[in-house]
C-alpha atoms as a PDB file:
ATOM      1  CA  MET A   1     -19.589  31.718 -24.476  1.00  0.00           C
ATOM      2  CA  ASP A   2     -19.292  29.217 -27.495  1.00  0.00           C
ATOM      3  CA  ILE A   3     -20.096  29.954 -31.100  1.00  0.00           C
ATOM      4  CA  LYS A   4     -23.131  27.449 -30.646  1.00  0.00           C
ATOM      5  CA  ASN A   5     -24.954  29.776 -28.270  1.00  0.00           C
ATOM      6  CA  ILE A   6     -23.420  33.134 -29.711  1.00  0.00           C
ATOM      7  CA  ARG A   7     -25.943  31.593 -33.055  1.00  0.00           C
ATOM      8  CA  LYS A   8     -28.948  30.747 -30.801  1.00  0.00           C
ATOM      9  CA  LEU A   9     -28.410  34.769 -29.444  1.00  0.00           C
ATOM     10  CA  HIS A  10     -28.058  35.969 -33.272  1.00  0.00           C
ATOM     11  CA  ARG A  11     -31.022  33.899 -34.201  1.00  0.00           C
ATOM     12  CA  LYS A  12     -32.952  35.165 -31.307  1.00  0.00           C
ATOM     13  CA  ILE A  13     -32.401  38.519 -31.441  1.00  0.00           C
ATOM     14  CA  ALA A  14     -31.759  39.228 -34.895  1.00  0.00           C
ATOM     15  CA  PRO A  15     -35.826  39.530 -36.216  1.00  0.00           C
ATOM     16  CA  PHE A  16     -35.875  41.929 -33.567  1.00  0.00           C
ATOM     17  CA  ILE A  17     -33.533  44.418 -34.905  1.00  0.00           C
ATOM     18  CA  PHE A  18     -33.978  43.954 -38.631  1.00  0.00           C
ATOM     19  CA  LEU A  19     -36.917  46.442 -39.309  1.00  0.00           C
ATOM     20  CA  PRO A  20     -36.226  49.255 -37.320  1.00  0.00           C
ATOM     21  CA  LEU A  21     -33.093  48.999 -38.774  1.00  0.00           C
ATOM     22  CA  LEU A  22     -34.549  48.683 -42.020  1.00  0.00           C
ATOM     23  CA  LEU A  23     -36.853  51.919 -41.334  1.00  0.00           C
ATOM     24  CA  THR A  24     -33.759  53.596 -40.241  1.00  0.00           C
ATOM     25  CA  ALA A  25     -31.433  52.879 -43.282  1.00  0.00           C
ATOM     26  CA  LEU A  26     -34.186  53.447 -46.321  1.00  0.00           C
ATOM     27  CA  THR A  27     -35.237  55.915 -44.840  1.00  0.00           C
ATOM     28  CA  GLY A  28     -32.300  58.187 -44.440  1.00  0.00           C
ATOM     29  CA  VAL A  29     -30.626  56.708 -47.697  1.00  0.00           C
ATOM     30  CA  SER A  30     -33.931  58.087 -49.122  1.00  0.00           C
ATOM     31  CA  TYR A  31     -33.130  61.731 -47.528  1.00  0.00           C
ATOM     32  CA  ARG A  32     -30.215  61.990 -48.805  1.00  0.00           C
ATOM     33  CA  ILE A  33     -30.856  60.785 -52.390  1.00  0.00           C
ATOM     34  CA  GLY A  34     -33.897  62.503 -52.537  1.00  0.00           C
ATOM     35  CA  LYS A  35     -32.069  65.731 -51.208  1.00  0.00           C
ATOM     36  CA  SER A  36     -29.078  65.789 -53.419  1.00  0.00           C
ATOM     37  CA  TRP A  37     -29.471  63.776 -56.407  1.00  0.00           C
ATOM     38  CA  LEU A  38     -33.716  64.125 -57.334  1.00  0.00           C
ATOM     39  CA  GLY A  39     -33.596  67.960 -55.820  1.00  0.00           C
ATOM     40  CA  LEU A  40     -37.203  66.694 -53.434  1.00  0.00           C
ATOM     41  CA  GLY A  41     -38.271  69.672 -51.473  1.00  0.00           C
ATOM     42  CA  ASP A  42     -37.969  70.091 -47.405  1.00  0.00           C
ATOM     43  CA  ASP A  43     -41.132  68.488 -46.866  1.00  0.00           C
ATOM     44  CA  PHE A  44     -39.980  65.533 -48.549  1.00  0.00           C
ATOM     45  CA  GLY A  45     -36.745  65.871 -46.188  1.00  0.00           C
ATOM     46  CA  GLU A  46     -38.880  66.341 -43.134  1.00  0.00           C
ATOM     47  CA  ALA A  47     -41.118  63.223 -43.808  1.00  0.00           C
ATOM     48  CA  MET A  48     -37.604  61.141 -44.218  1.00  0.00           C
ATOM     49  CA  MET A  49     -36.057  62.628 -41.306  1.00  0.00           C
ATOM     50  CA  PHE A  50     -39.664  62.248 -38.636  1.00  0.00           C
ATOM     51  CA  ILE A  51     -39.543  58.664 -39.373  1.00  0.00           C
ATOM     52  CA  HIS A  52     -35.235  58.270 -39.328  1.00  0.00           C
ATOM     53  CA  GLN A  53     -35.473  59.717 -36.116  1.00  0.00           C
ATOM     54  CA  GLY A  54     -37.872  57.955 -34.711  1.00  0.00           C
ATOM     55  CA  THR A  55     -40.220  61.066 -34.170  1.00  0.00           C
ATOM     56  CA  TRP A  56     -43.053  59.497 -35.126  1.00  0.00           C
ATOM     57  CA  LEU A  57     -42.875  57.693 -31.912  1.00  0.00           C
ATOM     58  CA  GLY A  58     -43.080  60.974 -29.545  1.00  0.00           C
ATOM     59  CA  PRO A  59     -40.502  62.685 -26.715  1.00  0.00           C
ATOM     60  CA  GLN A  60     -40.370  60.164 -24.083  1.00  0.00           C
ATOM     61  CA  LEU A  61     -40.006  57.235 -26.412  1.00  0.00           C
ATOM     62  CA  ARG A  62     -37.771  58.271 -29.236  1.00  0.00           C
ATOM     63  CA  PRO A  63     -34.487  58.090 -27.101  1.00  0.00           C
ATOM     64  CA  PHE A  64     -35.127  54.532 -26.495  1.00  0.00           C
ATOM     65  CA  TYR A  65     -35.776  53.978 -30.548  1.00  0.00           C
ATOM     66  CA  VAL A  66     -32.066  55.195 -30.537  1.00  0.00           C
ATOM     67  CA  LEU A  67     -30.775  53.788 -27.859  1.00  0.00           C
ATOM     68  CA  LEU A  68     -31.758  50.177 -28.895  1.00  0.00           C
ATOM     69  CA  ASN A  69     -31.085  50.749 -32.080  1.00  0.00           C
ATOM     70  CA  ALA A  70     -27.873  51.373 -31.733  1.00  0.00           C
ATOM     71  CA  LEU A  71     -27.072  48.474 -29.384  1.00  0.00           C
ATOM     72  CA  GLY A  72     -29.520  46.262 -31.372  1.00  0.00           C
ATOM     73  CA  ALA A  73     -27.111  47.262 -34.312  1.00  0.00           C
ATOM     74  CA  ILE A  74     -23.903  46.958 -32.379  1.00  0.00           C
ATOM     75  CA  GLY A  75     -24.737  43.247 -30.522  1.00  0.00           C
ATOM     76  CA  MET A  76     -25.303  41.826 -34.165  1.00  0.00           C
ATOM     77  CA  ILE A  77     -21.994  43.241 -35.751  1.00  0.00           C
ATOM     78  CA  ILE A  78     -20.119  41.616 -32.585  1.00  0.00           C
ATOM     79  CA  THR A  79     -21.922  38.390 -32.790  1.00  0.00           C
ATOM     80  CA  GLY A  80     -21.680  38.132 -36.471  1.00  0.00           C
ATOM     81  CA  VAL A  81     -17.721  38.907 -36.571  1.00  0.00           C
ATOM     82  CA  ILE A  82     -17.819  36.119 -33.796  1.00  0.00           C
ATOM     83  CA  MET A  83     -19.879  33.506 -35.629  1.00  0.00           C
ATOM     84  CA  SER A  84     -17.332  34.289 -38.870  1.00  0.00           C
ATOM     85  CA  GLY A  85     -14.159  32.856 -36.621  1.00  0.00           C
ATOM     86  CA  LEU A  86     -12.491  36.263 -38.048  1.00  0.00           C
ATOM     87  CA  PHE A  87     -10.623  36.461 -34.648  1.00  0.00           C
ATOM     88  CA  LEU A  88     -10.385  32.931 -33.830  1.00  0.00           C
ATOM     89  CA  SER A  89      -6.491  31.480 -33.018  1.00  0.00           C
ATOM     90  CA  ARG A  90      -6.166  28.807 -35.749  1.00  0.00           C
ATOM     91  CA  SER A  91      -3.987  25.803 -34.501  1.00  0.00           C
ATOM     92  CA  LYS A  92      -1.598  24.263 -36.747  1.00  0.00           C
ATOM     93  CA  ALA A  93      -2.414  20.014 -36.293  1.00  0.00           C
END
């Protein structure tokens, strides 16, 4: 697969991955900062974890949310690294 096709794949998948990853990152950071630095209570922590872990989707969809979130992040990282060219061999011309 050449870089042009990887860019297209990355561009098509990114909008679907963006919101779940953003939601997971924001609630995870909010939980830790709120509990550790701001001393917010257990109610706040439970609310953040409810969103962060995908519990709001119910017991049937929660594993899919977590799995797709992880696979999406891994996919974006792999395609991003490939597009960066860090591991391309450069010929001396």
